[in-house]
Amino acid sequence: MKTSRTRIAHTIADRTLKDGLKKKLSQEIAAYLLSERRVGDLDSLLRDVQADWAEAGFVEVLAASAHPLTAATRADIEKRIKSLYPNAKRIIVTEAHDPEVIGGVCLSLANQQLDLTVEAKLNKFKQLTTAGKE
């Protein structure tokens, strides 16, 4: 019988919250997914693990931007995340360089995304100014 993705994610989250992510555990997870032909579940599995971590108070956010984050920007991100997860014990901001981002930052969490990029703001402005003109 196929083990549910949710159950696998809970197990991984529990083990990583206790011991951290070890190379051996990563290899075991990879081997399991390969042997069960479930490699396609990896992205969903990781989102489920992040959601479990968030419930336990450890929120991870990926911040994609064109430039390194300043201390003020990082503090603002943590403040916004704290408002979404008031019981967070720890907020981990992982920076990712994205040359497609002209300015601003796009925040990705387990089950949601907050796009604060210049492009997103311009698209919103465009929608608002062209609404009702058709």
Protein backbone atom coordinates (compact mmCIF):
# COMPACT_ATOMS: atom_id res chain seq x y z
CA MET A 1 0.00 0.00 0.00
CA LYS A 2 1.29 3.44 -0.94
CA THR A 3 2.22 5.66 2.01
CA SER A 4 0.57 9.08 1.80
CA ARG A 5 2.71 12.08 0.99
CA THR A 6 1.38 13.81 4.11
CA ARG A 7 2.51 10.97 6.35
CA ILE A 8 5.97 10.98 4.74
CA ALA A 9 6.19 14.75 5.22
CA HIS A 10 5.20 14.49 8.91
CA THR A 11 7.90 11.89 9.47
CA ILE A 12 10.56 13.97 7.74
CA ALA A 13 9.49 17.13 9.60
CA ASP A 14 9.59 15.36 12.97
CA ARG A 15 13.04 13.91 12.34
CA THR A 16 14.52 17.15 10.99
CA LEU A 17 13.07 19.28 13.78
CA LYS A 18 14.72 16.99 16.36
CA ASP A 19 18.07 16.30 14.69
CA GLY A 20 18.39 18.69 11.78
CA LEU A 21 18.77 17.51 8.22
CA LYS A 22 21.64 15.05 8.02
CA LYS A 23 23.24 13.79 4.82
CA LYS A 24 22.21 10.22 5.67
CA LEU A 25 18.54 11.22 6.04
CA SER A 26 18.66 13.08 2.72
CA GLN A 27 20.05 9.97 1.05
CA GLU A 28 17.37 7.79 2.65
CA ILE A 29 14.60 10.10 1.43
CA ALA A 30 16.07 10.19 -2.08
CA ALA A 31 16.43 6.40 -2.15
CA TYR A 32 12.85 5.92 -0.94
CA LEU A 33 11.42 8.30 -3.55
CA LEU A 34 13.44 6.60 -6.30
CA SER A 35 12.50 3.08 -5.24
CA GLU A 36 8.80 3.98 -5.00
CA ARG A 37 8.90 5.94 -8.29
CA ARG A 38 7.70 9.07 -6.49
CA VAL A 39 10.41 11.55 -7.43
CA GLY A 40 7.67 13.74 -8.93
CA ASP A 41 6.30 14.20 -5.40
CA LEU A 42 9.45 15.95 -4.19
CA ASP A 43 8.28 19.57 -4.55
CA SER A 44 4.94 18.86 -2.89
CA LEU A 45 6.67 16.85 -0.18
CA LEU A 46 9.03 19.73 0.60
CA ARG A 47 6.11 22.18 0.80
CA ASP A 48 4.35 19.82 3.23
CA VAL A 49 7.50 19.57 5.36
CA GLN A 50 7.78 23.38 5.43
CA ALA A 51 4.13 23.63 6.49
CA ASP A 52 4.77 21.16 9.33
CA TRP A 53 7.83 23.16 10.40
CA ALA A 54 5.73 26.34 10.40
CA GLU A 55 3.13 24.70 12.64
CA ALA A 56 5.96 23.81 15.03
CA GLY A 57 7.13 27.46 15.02
CA PHE A 58 9.98 27.30 12.51
CA VAL A 59 9.02 29.31 9.44
CA GLU A 60 11.22 29.22 6.35
CA VAL A 61 10.84 31.84 3.65
CA LEU A 62 12.66 32.08 0.33
CA ALA A 63 13.37 35.68 -0.64
CA ALA A 64 14.10 36.06 -4.36
CA SER A 65 15.62 39.39 -5.38
CA ALA A 66 18.05 40.86 -7.88
CA HIS A 67 20.39 42.15 -5.18
CA PRO A 68 21.51 40.99 -1.73
CA LEU A 69 19.03 41.93 1.01
CA THR A 70 19.88 44.81 3.28
CA ALA A 71 19.52 44.46 7.04
CA ALA A 72 16.47 46.75 6.90
CA THR A 73 14.82 44.66 4.16
CA ARG A 74 15.54 41.45 6.05
CA ALA A 75 14.01 42.96 9.21
CA ASP A 76 10.92 44.04 7.23
CA ILE A 77 10.53 40.53 5.80
CA GLU A 78 10.79 39.00 9.27
CA LYS A 79 8.20 41.49 10.56
CA ARG A 80 5.76 40.59 7.75
CA ILE A 81 6.29 36.86 8.33
CA LYS A 82 5.80 37.30 12.07
CA SER A 83 2.42 38.92 11.36
CA LEU A 84 1.43 35.86 9.29
CA TYR A 85 2.80 33.41 11.87
CA PRO A 86 2.51 35.12 15.29
CA ASN A 87 3.59 31.94 17.13
CA ALA A 88 6.82 31.58 15.15
CA LYS A 89 9.79 30.76 17.35
CA ARG A 90 12.26 31.18 14.53
CA ILE A 91 12.05 32.72 11.07
CA ILE A 92 14.63 31.57 8.54
CA VAL A 93 15.08 33.86 5.53
CA THR A 94 16.94 32.21 2.67
CA GLU A 95 18.10 34.59 -0.04
CA ALA A 96 17.98 33.60 -3.70
CA HIS A 97 19.47 35.67 -6.50
CA ASP A 98 16.99 36.01 -9.37
CA PRO A 99 18.16 38.09 -12.36
CA GLU A 100 14.54 38.22 -13.63
CA VAL A 101 13.61 40.44 -10.66
CA ILE A 102 14.15 44.08 -11.59
CA GLY A 103 13.59 45.37 -8.08
CA GLY A 104 11.83 44.41 -4.89
CA VAL A 105 11.51 40.90 -3.53
CA CYS A 106 9.29 37.86 -3.97
CA LEU A 107 8.67 35.85 -0.79
CA SER A 108 7.80 32.16 -1.05
CA LEU A 109 6.50 30.20 1.92
CA ALA A 110 5.19 26.66 2.15
CA ASN A 111 1.67 27.39 0.94
CA GLN A 112 1.73 30.97 -0.20
CA GLN A 113 3.68 33.61 -2.06
CA LEU A 114 3.93 37.35 -1.51
CA ASP A 115 5.18 39.16 -4.61
CA LEU A 116 6.57 42.58 -3.73
CA THR A 117 8.56 43.00 -6.93
CA VAL A 118 8.47 46.09 -9.13
CA GLU A 119 7.00 43.99 -11.94
CA ALA A 120 4.10 42.80 -9.75
CA LYS A 121 3.36 46.36 -8.65
CA LEU A 122 3.43 47.61 -12.26
CA ASN A 123 1.12 44.79 -13.36
CA LYS A 124 -1.31 45.65 -10.56
CA PHE A 125 -1.21 49.32 -11.57
CA LYS A 126 -1.85 48.34 -15.19
CA GLN A 127 -4.86 46.23 -14.14
CA LEU A 128 -6.31 49.05 -12.07
CA THR A 129 -5.87 51.67 -14.80
CA THR A 130 -7.32 49.53 -17.60
CA ALA A 131 -10.23 48.08 -15.63
CA GLY A 132 -13.56 49.01 -17.14
CA LYS A 133 -12.13 50.41 -20.37
CA GLU A 134 -13.04 47.40 -22.47
